[in-house]
C-alpha atoms as a PDB file:
ATOM      1  CA  MET A   1     118.157 163.758 142.761  1.00  0.00           C
ATOM      2  CA  ARG A   2     117.710 161.458 139.795  1.00  0.00           C
ATOM      3  CA  SER A   3     120.297 158.897 138.852  1.00  0.00           C
ATOM      4  CA  PRO A   4     122.280 159.257 135.590  1.00  0.00           C
ATOM      5  CA  GLN A   5     120.352 156.354 134.163  1.00  0.00           C
ATOM      6  CA  GLU A   6     117.052 158.109 134.737  1.00  0.00           C
ATOM      7  CA  LEU A   7     118.411 161.254 133.106  1.00  0.00           C
ATOM      8  CA  VAL A   8     119.465 159.258 130.027  1.00  0.00           C
ATOM      9  CA  GLU A   9     116.057 157.626 129.864  1.00  0.00           C
ATOM     10  CA  THR A  10     114.445 161.048 130.106  1.00  0.00           C
ATOM     11  CA  LEU A  11     116.441 162.206 127.094  1.00  0.00           C
ATOM     12  CA  TYR A  12     116.468 159.203 124.850  1.00  0.00           C
ATOM     13  CA  LEU A  13     113.754 156.658 125.684  1.00  0.00           C
ATOM     14  CA  ASP A  14     110.790 158.432 124.241  1.00  0.00           C
ATOM     15  CA  ASN A  15     108.020 158.079 121.717  1.00  0.00           C
ATOM     16  CA  TRP A  16     110.239 159.009 118.810  1.00  0.00           C
ATOM     17  CA  PRO A  17     109.927 155.588 117.097  1.00  0.00           C
ATOM     18  CA  ARG A  18     106.191 156.110 116.970  1.00  0.00           C
ATOM     19  CA  ARG A  19     106.623 159.638 115.623  1.00  0.00           C
ATOM     20  CA  ARG A  20     109.033 158.386 112.934  1.00  0.00           C
ATOM     21  CA  ARG A  21     106.607 155.664 111.924  1.00  0.00           C
ATOM     22  CA  LEU A  22     103.823 158.193 111.526  1.00  0.00           C
ATOM     23  CA  LEU A  23     106.107 160.469 109.498  1.00  0.00           C
ATOM     24  CA  TYR A  24     107.075 157.574 107.206  1.00  0.00           C
ATOM     25  CA  LEU A  25     103.412 156.634 106.706  1.00  0.00           C
ATOM     26  CA  ALA A  26     102.460 160.232 105.872  1.00  0.00           C
ATOM     27  CA  LEU A  27     105.367 160.594 103.462  1.00  0.00           C
ATOM     28  CA  ALA A  28     104.503 157.285 101.801  1.00  0.00           C
ATOM     29  CA  TRP A  29     100.890 158.441 101.360  1.00  0.00           C
ATOM     30  CA  ILE A  30     102.050 161.724  99.862  1.00  0.00           C
ATOM     31  CA  ALA A  31     104.537 159.946  97.549  1.00  0.00           C
ATOM     32  CA  GLY A  32     101.841 157.487  96.447  1.00  0.00           C
ATOM     33  CA  ASN A  33      99.431 160.230  95.559  1.00  0.00           C
ATOM     34  CA  ALA A  34     102.133 162.191  93.739  1.00  0.00           C
ATOM     35  CA  GLU A  35     103.075 159.099  91.771  1.00  0.00           C
ATOM     36  CA  TYR A  36      99.454 158.554  90.847  1.00  0.00           C
ATOM     37  CA  LEU A  37      99.238 162.125  89.598  1.00  0.00           C
ATOM     38  CA  LEU A  38     102.376 161.637  87.500  1.00  0.00           C
ATOM     39  CA  ILE A  39     100.988 158.466  85.961  1.00  0.00           C
ATOM     40  CA  LEU A  40      97.541 160.024  85.434  1.00  0.00           C
ATOM     41  CA  GLY A  41      98.849 162.637  83.025  1.00  0.00           C
ATOM     42  CA  ALA A  42      99.833 166.245  82.747  1.00  0.00           C
ATOM     43  CA  GLY A  43      97.151 168.843  83.132  1.00  0.00           C
ATOM     44  CA  PRO A  44      96.909 172.097  84.997  1.00  0.00           C
ATOM     45  CA  LEU A  45      94.936 170.607  87.870  1.00  0.00           C
ATOM     46  CA  GLN A  46      97.225 167.592  88.206  1.00  0.00           C
ATOM     47  CA  ALA A  47     100.302 169.892  88.146  1.00  0.00           C
ATOM     48  CA  GLN A  48      98.804 172.061  90.890  1.00  0.00           C
ATOM     49  CA  ALA A  49      97.909 169.007  92.985  1.00  0.00           C
ATOM     50  CA  PHE A  50     101.393 167.587  92.521  1.00  0.00           C
ATOM     51  CA  MET A  51     103.015 170.823  93.684  1.00  0.00           C
ATOM     52  CA  THR A  52     100.676 170.932  96.654  1.00  0.00           C
ATOM     53  CA  LEU A  53     101.658 167.383  97.646  1.00  0.00           C
ATOM     54  CA  LEU A  54     105.347 168.248  97.195  1.00  0.00           C
ATOM     55  CA  GLY A  55     104.912 171.284  99.453  1.00  0.00           C
ATOM     56  CA  ALA A  56     103.067 169.229 102.036  1.00  0.00           C
ATOM     57  CA  GLY A  57     105.868 166.634 102.088  1.00  0.00           C
ATOM     58  CA  ILE A  58     108.548 169.319 102.521  1.00  0.00           C
ATOM     59  CA  ALA A  59     106.524 171.048 105.238  1.00  0.00           C
ATOM     60  CA  LEU A  60     106.049 167.757 107.007  1.00  0.00           C
ATOM     61  CA  LEU A  61     109.801 167.033 107.005  1.00  0.00           C
ATOM     62  CA  PHE A  62     110.692 170.512 108.248  1.00  0.00           C
ATOM     63  CA  ALA A  63     108.063 170.349 110.987  1.00  0.00           C
ATOM     64  CA  TYR A  64     109.397 166.953 112.065  1.00  0.00           C
ATOM     65  CA  ILE A  65     112.966 168.239 112.270  1.00  0.00           C
ATOM     66  CA  PHE A  66     111.941 171.468 114.060  1.00  0.00           C
ATOM     67  CA  GLY A  67     109.805 169.517 116.484  1.00  0.00           C
ATOM     68  CA  ALA A  68     112.636 167.115 117.271  1.00  0.00           C
ATOM     69  CA  VAL A  69     115.039 169.922 117.992  1.00  0.00           C
ATOM     70  CA  TRP A  70     112.471 171.800 120.060  1.00  0.00           C
ATOM     71  CA  ASP A  71     111.587 168.742 122.103  1.00  0.00           C
ATOM     72  CA  ASP A  72     115.217 167.790 122.766  1.00  0.00           C
ATOM     73  CA  ASN A  73     116.109 171.323 123.805  1.00  0.00           C
ATOM     74  CA  ASN A  74     113.206 171.382 126.257  1.00  0.00           C
ATOM     75  CA  LYS A  75     114.323 168.083 127.727  1.00  0.00           C
ATOM     76  CA  ARG A  76     117.884 169.361 128.108  1.00  0.00           C
ATOM     77  CA  ALA A  77     116.645 172.509 129.810  1.00  0.00           C
ATOM     78  CA  SER A  78     114.893 170.425 132.453  1.00  0.00           C
ATOM     79  CA  LEU A  79     118.027 168.480 133.356  1.00  0.00           C
ATOM     80  CA  PRO A  80     120.147 169.610 136.309  1.00  0.00           C
ATOM     81  CA  PRO A  81     123.436 171.272 135.381  1.00  0.00           C
ATOM     82  CA  SER A  82     126.402 168.895 135.056  1.00  0.00           C
ATOM     83  CA  PRO A  83     129.489 169.442 137.159  1.00  0.00           C
ATOM     84  CA  PRO A  84     132.530 170.854 135.348  1.00  0.00           C
ATOM     85  CA  ASN A  85     134.897 168.193 133.976  1.00  0.00           C
ATOM     86  CA  GLY A  86     138.171 170.119 134.059  1.00  0.00           C
ATOM     87  CA  PRO A  87     140.251 171.239 137.006  1.00  0.00           C
ATOM     88  CA  GLY A  88     138.953 174.071 139.114  1.00  0.00           C
ATOM     89  CA  PRO A  89     140.371 177.609 139.163  1.00  0.00           C
ATOM     90  CA  CYS A  90     143.928 177.874 140.461  1.00  0.00           C
END
């Protein structure tokens, strides 16, 4: 049986800082391109590209949040059940 410290490390010490860094880089790239399109001028093609970048940014955020929840739930499912904290049945 694993120690409580190993269980905590299984849950929390992960590659999430790397994932967040990649998310921030991707969002910065999307924001930079969107800003360039706004500065470039308004035209039908620029408006369509801006909306596409906006949709990509939103999809990226939702995928990140969904992936984090999914990953954490999978980790919790692999942990052994914890003993009850309260008093037993009378």
